Amino acid sequence: MPDQTRNEQETDSFKPYKGRFQSYPELPEKGRGKEDILNELSLMAEEENAKWTTGKVSGTFYHAGDAHREYLNKTFSLFSHVNTLQFDLCPSMFKMESEIISMTAKMLNCDAVKAHNPADEVCGTMTSGGSESIMMAIKTYRDWAKAEKGIDAPEIIMPNTAHPAFDKSGTYFGINMVHIPVSEPDFRVDPEAVSAKINKNTIALVGSAGNYPYGLIDPIDALSDIALHHKIGLHVDGCLGGFILPWFEKLGRNIPTFDFRLPGVTSISADTHKYGFALKGTSVVLYRNNDLRRHQYFSVPDWPGGMYASPTGAGSRSGGLTAATWASMLYLGKEGYLETARALMGVADAMIKGVESIPELLLIGDPTFVVTFRSEEVDVFHVNDFMKTRGWRFNCLQLPPAMHFCVTMPQTFVPGIADEWTKDLREGVAYARTKAGTVADTTAIYGVAGSLEGNQAVTEMVYGVFDHLFSV
């Protein structure tokens, strides 16, 4: 219940519940009633849901409607107490996980690998999300290169638009991540620039399908040829697009090939908890063959507590997430994924046309489900300031300044959302013109980014925010 002992005037944009609800720096002497707790949580959920059910929030909420979410919550509850590590007690876990992996592999054309090498057979594991899928792939290439090539100072070449989870992996696993900048007009990685950086320590390449800033698909076909020529790995990050781009292609959209149809693609990550419409906390990482996947596994055979082995970076995982993912994929099936893709494509295309109708805005690349734009005439961050007053939440980009909006199912539930987007964007551009020469509120962070000193200042500020968020 609301905490009347706190200063009611106390405000904190990062902690809006501070002063409204009791804080708990330690366990209460006596437990609260269940209904009291549920009422408080329901109020928080209701207020937070109101922010994105308008359809004005980019990405973030990848679910296929309230009925679908309720169905997944029921399936989760049946196995919420289960630990997926205990496969002897709960054999359902590996039945479901193996089928999730297989269904994902089929969607990404796993059968095509045999045309290049009949001995190959795509396999993989489930993980807790895209970051872990990426980290497992990078760890796998490090260990593979050490075992097969004796490389002790591994390097991986990646576009600077690839997800920061690759840099995190490099930091955690002692791998030098070599960045290749992307530039106008393509904003995709240049294969020739990638080739120029390959040396004796290069163990793998990275390409995105699509990348987070722009939603664009790197030239994976060219990267595949390079990887084959140098006998190195190629990881395709399909965490964002892996569960939507195949269905766009089936609907007739010209999607560049990025999956196992390309002989140089040795691994792919794809998030079931995004356009797979599962609950948050699941992803799949796939490998071209089991010899490669073996390098992901970990074991301590002589531990006093018994032999320890785990297939992924996580230890215990809730079986509820596995069950809900399996249930989501089976319920939707190919027909369901095609229908959701058709709905998403309709909204995204209408939003793209809206941007094209505003002369001051320039689309970046050939958008599919992520609509990204910049401007040479107005400060797009002023546009963002205005759009926030209309309830929109964009993702702001830097180098160059731009904004993107990732279309998810909530947009498809709001009639006329694309028309409202276009109207508000046009007014936002007009507002930005009136603010020429002034600093936008949005650039409070991005305004100092783009230089080593500026980015370091931003890092220190963000770390300070983390410190604050973890305080009571």
Protein backbone atom coordinates (compact mmCIF):
# COMPACT_ATOMS: atom_id res chain seq x y z
CA MET A 1 0.00 0.00 0.00
CA PRO A 2 1.18 3.62 -0.40
CA ASP A 3 3.82 4.67 2.10
CA GLN A 4 2.50 7.77 3.85
CA THR A 5 5.68 8.17 5.92
CA ARG A 6 7.73 9.26 2.92
CA ASN A 7 7.88 12.75 1.53
CA GLU A 8 5.04 12.86 -0.97
CA GLN A 9 6.91 15.52 -2.93
CA GLU A 10 9.87 13.21 -3.49
CA THR A 11 10.27 12.54 -7.20
CA ASP A 12 12.73 10.39 -9.10
CA SER A 13 12.18 9.67 -12.80
CA PHE A 14 14.08 6.38 -12.47
CA LYS A 15 12.14 5.32 -9.37
CA PRO A 16 8.57 6.54 -9.79
CA TYR A 17 7.26 4.22 -7.06
CA LYS A 18 9.55 5.63 -4.40
CA GLY A 19 7.35 7.49 -1.96
CA ARG A 20 4.19 5.87 -3.31
CA PHE A 21 4.82 2.35 -2.08
CA GLN A 22 6.68 0.94 0.88
CA SER A 23 10.36 0.14 0.21
CA TYR A 24 11.97 -2.98 1.64
CA PRO A 25 15.71 -2.73 2.34
CA GLU A 26 15.32 -5.87 4.47
CA LEU A 27 12.76 -8.62 4.95
CA PRO A 28 9.60 -7.45 6.74
CA GLU A 29 9.13 -8.80 10.26
CA LYS A 30 5.82 -10.25 9.23
CA GLY A 31 4.83 -11.22 5.73
CA ARG A 32 2.22 -9.22 3.85
CA GLY A 33 -1.05 -10.68 2.66
CA LYS A 34 -1.15 -12.21 -0.80
CA GLU A 35 -4.05 -10.08 -1.98
CA ASP A 36 -2.37 -6.91 -0.74
CA ILE A 37 0.80 -7.77 -2.66
CA LEU A 38 -1.13 -8.73 -5.80
CA ASN A 39 -3.11 -5.49 -5.69
CA GLU A 40 0.09 -3.45 -5.54
CA LEU A 41 1.67 -5.40 -8.40
CA SER A 42 -1.52 -5.10 -10.46
CA LEU A 43 -1.45 -1.33 -10.09
CA MET A 44 2.16 -1.18 -11.28
CA ALA A 45 1.41 -3.46 -14.21
CA GLU A 46 -1.69 -1.50 -15.21
CA GLU A 47 0.19 1.80 -15.24
CA GLU A 48 3.14 0.39 -17.17
CA ASN A 49 1.01 -1.44 -19.72
CA ALA A 50 -0.81 1.80 -20.49
CA LYS A 51 2.44 3.16 -21.93
CA TRP A 52 2.79 0.60 -24.72
CA THR A 53 -0.70 -0.69 -25.49
CA THR A 54 -1.18 2.56 -27.43
CA GLY A 55 1.03 1.08 -30.16
CA LYS A 56 3.43 4.02 -29.90
CA VAL A 57 6.40 2.18 -28.37
CA SER A 58 9.19 0.94 -30.64
CA GLY A 59 10.03 -2.76 -30.20
CA THR A 60 10.30 -3.82 -26.55
CA PHE A 61 7.00 -5.72 -26.31
CA TYR A 62 6.99 -8.70 -28.67
CA HIS A 63 3.79 -10.50 -27.92
CA ALA A 64 0.86 -11.59 -30.01
CA GLY A 65 -1.98 -10.19 -27.92
CA ASP A 66 -3.43 -10.57 -24.44
CA ALA A 67 -5.09 -13.92 -25.17
CA HIS A 68 -1.79 -15.34 -26.42
CA ARG A 69 0.02 -14.04 -23.36
CA GLU A 70 -2.59 -15.57 -21.06
CA TYR A 71 -2.17 -18.90 -22.84
CA LEU A 72 1.61 -18.74 -22.41
CA ASN A 73 1.30 -17.84 -18.74
CA LYS A 74 -0.85 -20.95 -18.20
CA THR A 75 1.69 -23.18 -19.90
CA PHE A 76 4.48 -21.52 -17.90
CA SER A 77 2.69 -22.26 -14.63
CA LEU A 78 2.67 -26.00 -15.34
CA PHE A 79 6.47 -26.12 -15.36
CA SER A 80 7.48 -22.94 -13.48
CA HIS A 81 9.07 -25.01 -10.69
CA VAL A 82 11.03 -27.27 -13.04
CA ASN A 83 14.79 -26.95 -13.54
CA THR A 84 15.70 -27.80 -17.12
CA LEU A 85 19.03 -29.24 -15.91
CA GLN A 86 17.22 -32.11 -14.21
CA PHE A 87 16.45 -33.94 -17.43
CA ASP A 88 16.26 -37.32 -15.67
CA LEU A 89 13.35 -36.12 -13.51
CA CYS A 90 11.73 -33.96 -16.20
CA PRO A 91 12.32 -35.56 -19.61
CA SER A 92 9.68 -33.22 -21.04
CA MET A 93 12.25 -30.45 -21.03
CA PHE A 94 14.55 -31.96 -23.60
CA LYS A 95 11.64 -33.22 -25.66
CA MET A 96 10.43 -29.63 -25.95
CA GLU A 97 13.86 -28.00 -26.30
CA SER A 98 15.03 -30.41 -28.99
CA GLU A 99 11.83 -29.73 -30.95
CA ILE A 100 12.14 -25.95 -30.52
CA ILE A 101 15.69 -26.17 -31.87
CA SER A 102 14.62 -28.38 -34.78
CA MET A 103 11.64 -26.19 -35.72
CA THR A 104 13.85 -23.09 -35.66
CA ALA A 105 16.51 -24.81 -37.75
CA LYS A 106 13.91 -25.88 -40.36
CA MET A 107 12.64 -22.31 -40.56
CA LEU A 108 16.21 -21.21 -41.31
CA ASN A 109 16.67 -23.81 -44.08
CA CYS A 110 18.84 -26.29 -42.21
CA ASP A 111 18.37 -29.00 -44.82
CA ALA A 112 20.40 -26.96 -47.30
CA VAL A 113 23.67 -27.74 -45.47
CA LYS A 114 23.80 -31.25 -46.89
CA ALA A 115 24.16 -29.91 -50.42
CA HIS A 116 27.56 -28.56 -49.42
CA ASN A 117 28.58 -31.33 -47.01
CA PRO A 118 26.36 -34.42 -46.59
CA ALA A 119 27.87 -35.05 -43.15
CA ASP A 120 26.63 -31.74 -41.75
CA GLU A 121 23.45 -31.58 -39.73
CA VAL A 122 22.29 -28.36 -38.08
CA CYS A 123 21.95 -28.56 -34.31
CA GLY A 124 21.89 -26.12 -31.42
CA THR A 125 20.77 -25.25 -27.91
CA MET A 126 18.30 -22.98 -26.18
CA THR A 127 19.59 -20.02 -24.20
CA SER A 128 18.23 -17.29 -21.96
CA GLY A 129 18.19 -14.68 -24.71
CA GLY A 130 20.04 -13.13 -27.61
CA SER A 131 23.03 -12.01 -25.60
CA GLU A 132 23.67 -15.52 -24.30
CA SER A 133 23.18 -17.01 -27.77
CA ILE A 134 25.79 -14.62 -29.13
CA MET A 135 28.14 -15.25 -26.23
CA MET A 136 27.88 -19.00 -26.64
CA ALA A 137 28.69 -18.75 -30.35
CA ILE A 138 31.71 -16.53 -29.71
CA LYS A 139 32.97 -18.84 -26.95
CA THR A 140 32.50 -21.76 -29.34
CA TYR A 141 34.62 -20.17 -32.06
CA ARG A 142 37.34 -19.33 -29.55
CA ASP A 143 37.57 -22.90 -28.31
CA TRP A 144 37.26 -24.36 -31.81
CA ALA A 145 40.10 -22.17 -33.10
CA LYS A 146 42.28 -23.10 -30.14
CA ALA A 147 41.68 -26.82 -30.59
CA GLU A 148 41.77 -26.99 -34.39
CA LYS A 149 44.21 -24.21 -35.30
CA GLY A 150 46.19 -23.54 -32.16
CA ILE A 151 45.19 -19.85 -32.12
CA ASP A 152 45.94 -18.21 -28.77
CA ALA A 153 45.19 -14.57 -29.68
CA PRO A 154 41.83 -14.88 -31.45
CA GLU A 155 40.19 -12.07 -33.41
CA ILE A 156 36.66 -11.75 -34.75
CA ILE A 157 35.67 -9.20 -37.38
CA MET A 158 32.30 -7.51 -36.98
CA PRO A 159 30.41 -4.50 -38.36
CA ASN A 160 30.19 -1.63 -35.89
CA THR A 161 26.40 -1.98 -36.21
CA ALA A 162 26.50 -5.53 -34.76
CA HIS A 163 24.99 -5.92 -31.31
CA PRO A 164 27.14 -4.89 -28.33
CA ALA A 165 26.75 -8.46 -27.01
CA PHE A 166 29.60 -9.31 -29.38
CA ASP A 167 31.84 -6.77 -27.66
CA LYS A 168 30.69 -8.11 -24.30
CA SER A 169 31.66 -11.59 -25.46
CA GLY A 170 35.08 -10.37 -26.56
CA THR A 171 35.64 -8.78 -23.17
CA TYR A 172 34.48 -11.86 -21.25
CA PHE A 173 36.33 -14.41 -23.37
CA GLY A 174 39.52 -12.55 -24.23
CA ILE A 175 38.87 -12.09 -27.94
CA ASN A 176 39.88 -9.01 -29.94
CA MET A 177 36.75 -7.74 -31.69
CA VAL A 178 37.74 -5.87 -34.85
CA HIS A 179 35.13 -3.28 -35.86
CA ILE A 180 34.35 -2.39 -39.48
CA PRO A 181 32.49 0.94 -39.76
CA VAL A 182 29.46 1.10 -42.03
CA SER A 183 28.80 4.21 -44.08
CA GLU A 184 26.40 5.92 -46.46
CA PRO A 185 24.55 5.16 -48.56
CA ASP A 186 24.43 1.43 -47.77
CA PHE A 187 24.83 1.36 -43.98
CA ARG A 188 25.78 -2.33 -44.29
CA VAL A 189 29.22 -3.83 -43.79
CA ASP A 190 31.61 -3.67 -46.76
CA PRO A 191 32.92 -7.18 -47.58
CA GLU A 192 36.15 -5.76 -49.03
CA ALA A 193 36.83 -3.94 -45.77
CA VAL A 194 36.23 -7.20 -43.92
CA SER A 195 38.65 -9.10 -46.18
CA ALA A 196 41.34 -6.48 -45.64
CA LYS A 197 41.28 -7.10 -41.86
CA ILE A 198 41.68 -10.89 -41.96
CA ASN A 199 44.94 -12.23 -40.56
CA LYS A 200 46.33 -15.47 -39.08
CA ASN A 201 44.44 -14.88 -35.81
CA THR A 202 41.02 -14.31 -37.37
CA ILE A 203 38.68 -17.06 -36.23
CA ALA A 204 35.26 -15.82 -37.39
CA LEU A 205 33.20 -13.11 -39.05
CA VAL A 206 29.92 -11.57 -37.92
CA GLY A 207 26.95 -10.35 -39.94
CA SER A 208 23.49 -9.20 -38.84
CA ALA A 209 20.02 -10.09 -40.10
CA GLY A 210 18.96 -7.47 -39.35
CA ASN A 211 21.12 -5.19 -37.31
CA TYR A 212 19.63 -3.32 -34.36
CA PRO A 213 20.24 0.31 -35.43
CA TYR A 214 18.70 0.07 -38.89
CA GLY A 215 17.14 -3.38 -39.20
CA LEU A 216 19.29 -3.99 -42.29
CA ILE A 217 20.70 -7.31 -43.45
CA ASP A 218 24.45 -7.34 -44.03
CA PRO A 219 25.70 -8.92 -47.31
CA ILE A 220 25.82 -12.38 -45.77
CA ASP A 221 26.35 -14.03 -49.17
CA ALA A 222 29.63 -12.17 -49.66
CA LEU A 223 30.69 -12.83 -46.07
CA SER A 224 29.93 -16.51 -46.65
CA ASP A 225 32.34 -16.62 -49.59
CA ILE A 226 35.03 -14.92 -47.53
CA ALA A 227 34.57 -17.31 -44.60
CA LEU A 228 34.78 -20.33 -46.88
CA HIS A 229 37.91 -19.03 -48.59
CA HIS A 230 39.72 -18.47 -45.29
CA LYS A 231 38.25 -21.54 -43.54
CA ILE A 232 36.86 -19.49 -40.65
CA GLY A 233 33.48 -19.25 -38.98
CA LEU A 234 30.60 -16.96 -39.86
CA HIS A 235 27.98 -16.15 -37.26
CA VAL A 236 24.74 -14.57 -38.42
CA ASP A 237 22.99 -12.61 -35.69
CA GLY A 238 19.32 -13.18 -36.40
CA CYS A 239 18.27 -12.42 -32.83
CA LEU A 240 16.09 -9.57 -34.07
CA GLY A 241 15.09 -10.75 -37.54
CA GLY A 242 15.44 -14.52 -37.41
CA PHE A 243 11.77 -15.21 -36.66
CA ILE A 244 10.27 -12.57 -38.95
CA LEU A 245 12.42 -12.27 -42.08
CA PRO A 246 11.76 -15.86 -43.27
CA TRP A 247 8.02 -15.17 -43.22
CA PHE A 248 8.43 -11.83 -44.99
CA GLU A 249 10.30 -13.73 -47.69
CA LYS A 250 7.48 -16.28 -48.00
CA LEU A 251 5.05 -13.37 -48.42
CA GLY A 252 7.01 -12.18 -51.45
CA ARG A 253 9.31 -9.55 -49.94
CA ASN A 254 12.80 -9.53 -51.46
CA ILE A 255 14.88 -10.61 -48.46
CA PRO A 256 18.61 -11.21 -49.05
CA THR A 257 19.59 -14.79 -48.23
CA PHE A 258 21.16 -14.97 -44.77
CA ASP A 259 20.58 -18.49 -43.45
CA PHE A 260 21.98 -22.01 -43.87
CA ARG A 261 21.39 -21.92 -47.61
CA LEU A 262 24.74 -20.10 -47.71
CA PRO A 263 27.57 -22.64 -47.31
CA GLY A 264 29.80 -20.34 -45.27
CA VAL A 265 27.22 -19.69 -42.53
CA THR A 266 28.35 -21.78 -39.57
CA SER A 267 26.04 -20.48 -36.82
CA ILE A 268 22.88 -18.41 -36.39
CA SER A 269 21.22 -16.90 -33.33
CA ALA A 270 17.46 -16.29 -33.34
CA ASP A 271 15.31 -15.05 -30.47
CA THR A 272 12.16 -17.00 -29.77
CA HIS A 273 11.17 -14.29 -27.28
CA LYS A 274 10.91 -11.63 -30.00
CA TYR A 275 9.03 -12.52 -33.17
CA GLY A 276 8.72 -16.12 -32.02
CA PHE A 277 6.17 -14.63 -29.58
CA ALA A 278 7.35 -16.63 -26.59
CA LEU A 279 7.81 -15.26 -23.09
CA LYS A 280 10.93 -13.21 -22.38
CA GLY A 281 14.02 -15.21 -21.57
CA THR A 282 14.49 -17.63 -24.48
CA SER A 283 16.57 -17.78 -27.64
CA VAL A 284 18.13 -20.39 -29.90
CA VAL A 285 21.70 -20.68 -31.16
CA LEU A 286 22.25 -23.02 -34.09
CA TYR A 287 25.42 -24.60 -35.51
CA ARG A 288 26.11 -26.12 -38.88
CA ASN A 289 27.27 -29.38 -37.31
CA ASN A 290 27.70 -31.07 -33.96
CA ASP A 291 31.51 -30.91 -34.08
CA LEU A 292 31.17 -27.16 -33.73
CA ARG A 293 28.45 -27.29 -31.07
CA ARG A 294 30.60 -29.54 -28.89
CA HIS A 295 32.91 -26.57 -28.28
CA GLN A 296 30.03 -24.75 -26.57
CA TYR A 297 29.59 -27.38 -23.87
CA PHE A 298 31.30 -27.18 -20.48
CA SER A 299 32.12 -29.84 -17.89
CA VAL A 300 34.06 -30.44 -14.68
CA PRO A 301 34.31 -34.25 -14.53
CA ASP A 302 36.25 -34.48 -11.24
CA TRP A 303 34.26 -32.13 -9.00
CA PRO A 304 33.65 -33.53 -5.48
CA GLY A 305 29.97 -32.77 -5.88
CA GLY A 306 29.75 -35.15 -8.80
CA MET A 307 30.38 -34.69 -12.48
CA TYR A 308 29.15 -31.28 -13.58
CA ALA A 309 28.24 -30.48 -17.17
CA SER A 310 26.11 -27.81 -18.80
CA PRO A 311 25.35 -27.17 -22.47
CA THR A 312 25.07 -23.37 -22.17
CA GLY A 313 26.30 -20.51 -20.01
CA ALA A 314 23.28 -20.76 -17.72
CA GLY A 315 22.95 -23.25 -14.89
CA SER A 316 19.43 -23.63 -13.59
CA ARG A 317 16.66 -22.44 -15.89
CA SER A 318 12.90 -22.47 -15.37
CA GLY A 319 11.17 -25.13 -17.38
CA GLY A 320 8.20 -22.79 -17.63
CA LEU A 321 9.99 -20.71 -20.24
CA THR A 322 10.79 -23.78 -22.32
CA ALA A 323 7.19 -24.98 -22.13
CA ALA A 324 5.79 -21.57 -23.06
CA THR A 325 8.15 -21.27 -26.04
CA TRP A 326 7.20 -24.72 -27.30
CA ALA A 327 3.52 -23.94 -26.80
CA SER A 328 3.80 -20.65 -28.67
CA MET A 329 5.46 -22.20 -31.70
CA LEU A 330 3.02 -25.09 -31.88
CA TYR A 331 -0.03 -22.87 -31.44
CA LEU A 332 0.99 -20.41 -34.16
CA GLY A 333 2.43 -22.88 -36.64
CA LYS A 334 3.49 -21.80 -40.11
CA GLU A 335 0.09 -20.30 -40.86
CA GLY A 336 0.10 -18.21 -37.68
CA TYR A 337 3.59 -16.87 -38.27
CA LEU A 338 2.66 -15.97 -41.84
CA GLU A 339 -0.43 -14.10 -40.66
CA THR A 340 1.45 -12.14 -38.02
CA ALA A 341 4.14 -11.31 -40.57
CA ARG A 342 1.48 -10.09 -42.99
CA ALA A 343 0.01 -7.81 -40.33
CA LEU A 344 3.42 -6.48 -39.33
CA MET A 345 4.42 -5.89 -42.93
CA GLY A 346 1.24 -3.93 -43.58
CA VAL A 347 1.85 -1.52 -40.70
CA ALA A 348 5.57 -1.20 -41.43
CA ASP A 349 4.98 -0.45 -45.10
CA ALA A 350 2.43 2.23 -44.20
CA MET A 351 4.89 3.82 -41.77
CA ILE A 352 7.62 3.74 -44.42
CA LYS A 353 5.33 5.55 -46.84
CA GLY A 354 4.65 8.10 -44.13
CA VAL A 355 8.36 8.88 -43.79
CA GLU A 356 8.73 9.06 -47.56
CA SER A 357 5.95 11.65 -47.69
CA ILE A 358 7.95 14.07 -45.50
CA PRO A 359 10.72 15.70 -47.60
CA GLU A 360 12.92 16.58 -44.65
CA LEU A 361 13.28 12.94 -43.58
CA LEU A 362 15.55 10.36 -45.23
CA LEU A 363 15.01 6.62 -44.85
CA ILE A 364 18.12 4.60 -44.07
CA GLY A 365 18.50 1.56 -46.30
CA ASP A 366 15.65 -0.63 -47.53
CA PRO A 367 13.45 -1.02 -44.44
CA THR A 368 11.43 -4.13 -43.62
CA PHE A 369 10.10 -4.17 -40.05
CA VAL A 370 12.45 -1.51 -38.60
CA VAL A 371 11.79 1.99 -39.94
CA THR A 372 14.89 4.17 -39.57
CA PHE A 373 15.28 7.76 -40.69
CA ARG A 374 17.62 10.72 -40.40
CA SER A 375 17.58 14.29 -41.69
CA GLU A 376 19.95 16.77 -43.26
CA GLU A 377 17.54 19.67 -42.70
CA VAL A 378 16.37 19.39 -39.10
CA ASP A 379 17.69 17.92 -35.85
CA VAL A 380 15.92 14.57 -35.54
CA PHE A 381 16.34 14.75 -31.78
CA HIS A 382 14.07 17.80 -31.75
CA VAL A 383 11.61 15.67 -33.70
CA ASN A 384 11.92 13.06 -30.98
CA ASP A 385 11.30 15.67 -28.27
CA PHE A 386 8.02 16.52 -29.99
CA MET A 387 7.04 12.89 -30.58
CA LYS A 388 7.45 12.16 -26.87
CA THR A 389 4.75 14.74 -26.14
CA ARG A 390 2.43 12.67 -28.36
CA GLY A 391 3.23 9.47 -26.48
CA TRP A 392 5.70 7.97 -28.97
CA ARG A 393 8.85 6.18 -27.83
CA PHE A 394 11.52 5.88 -30.51
CA ASN A 395 15.00 4.44 -30.29
CA CYS A 396 17.50 7.25 -30.82
CA LEU A 397 20.67 6.44 -32.73
CA GLN A 398 24.04 8.12 -33.10
CA LEU A 399 26.84 8.25 -35.67
CA PRO A 400 24.91 9.57 -37.59
CA PRO A 401 22.01 11.02 -35.57
CA ALA A 402 18.89 9.08 -36.49
CA MET A 403 15.80 7.44 -35.04
CA HIS A 404 14.20 4.09 -35.57
CA PHE A 405 10.86 2.50 -34.83
CA CYS A 406 10.65 -1.28 -34.64
CA VAL A 407 7.18 -2.52 -35.57
CA THR A 408 5.77 -5.24 -33.33
CA MET A 409 2.32 -6.72 -32.88
CA PRO A 410 0.97 -3.97 -30.56
CA GLN A 411 1.03 -1.61 -33.57
CA THR A 412 -1.20 -4.02 -35.51
CA PHE A 413 -3.86 -3.85 -32.78
CA VAL A 414 -4.36 -0.08 -33.08
CA PRO A 415 -6.43 1.00 -36.11
CA GLY A 416 -5.00 4.01 -37.93
CA ILE A 417 -1.69 3.93 -36.10
CA ALA A 418 0.31 4.57 -39.29
CA ASP A 419 -1.80 7.61 -40.16
CA GLU A 420 -1.28 9.00 -36.66
CA TRP A 421 2.46 8.32 -36.99
CA THR A 422 2.64 10.27 -40.25
CA LYS A 423 0.62 13.19 -38.91
CA ASP A 424 2.68 13.45 -35.74
CA LEU A 425 5.98 13.09 -37.59
CA ARG A 426 5.04 15.91 -39.96
CA GLU A 427 4.21 18.14 -37.00
CA GLY A 428 7.42 17.03 -35.30
CA VAL A 429 9.48 18.17 -38.28
CA ALA A 430 7.72 21.54 -38.23
CA TYR A 431 8.49 21.82 -34.51
CA ALA A 432 12.14 20.94 -35.14
CA ARG A 433 12.40 23.77 -37.66
CA THR A 434 11.35 26.23 -34.97
CA LYS A 435 14.09 24.89 -32.70
CA ALA A 436 16.96 25.23 -35.19
CA GLY A 437 20.17 26.23 -33.42
CA THR A 438 19.07 25.01 -29.99
CA VAL A 439 20.00 21.82 -28.16
CA ALA A 440 17.31 19.15 -28.00
CA ASP A 441 16.46 17.49 -24.71
CA THR A 442 17.13 14.12 -26.35
CA THR A 443 20.74 15.11 -27.03
CA ALA A 444 21.50 15.38 -23.32
CA ILE A 445 23.27 12.06 -23.81
CA TYR A 446 23.84 11.78 -27.52
CA GLY A 447 25.06 15.34 -27.81
CA VAL A 448 28.33 14.42 -26.11
CA ALA A 449 28.62 11.06 -27.83
CA GLY A 450 30.66 10.41 -30.91
CA SER A 451 34.12 11.09 -29.48
CA LEU A 452 36.30 9.03 -27.16
CA GLU A 453 36.00 11.61 -24.39
CA GLY A 454 32.27 12.08 -24.90
CA ASN A 455 31.50 8.37 -25.00
CA GLN A 456 33.55 7.78 -21.85
CA ALA A 457 31.56 10.49 -20.09
CA VAL A 458 28.34 8.80 -21.20
CA THR A 459 29.61 5.45 -19.93
CA GLU A 460 30.37 6.89 -16.51
CA MET A 461 26.93 8.49 -16.39
CA VAL A 462 25.18 5.24 -17.37
CA TYR A 463 27.15 3.30 -14.76
CA GLY A 464 25.99 5.86 -12.23
CA VAL A 465 22.40 5.22 -13.30
CA PHE A 466 22.93 1.48 -12.79
CA ASP A 467 24.28 2.17 -9.29
CA HIS A 468 21.19 4.25 -8.57
CA LEU A 469 18.73 1.69 -9.95
CA PHE A 470 20.16 -1.06 -7.75
CA SER A 471 19.72 1.09 -4.64
CA VAL A 472 16.55 0.78 -2.56
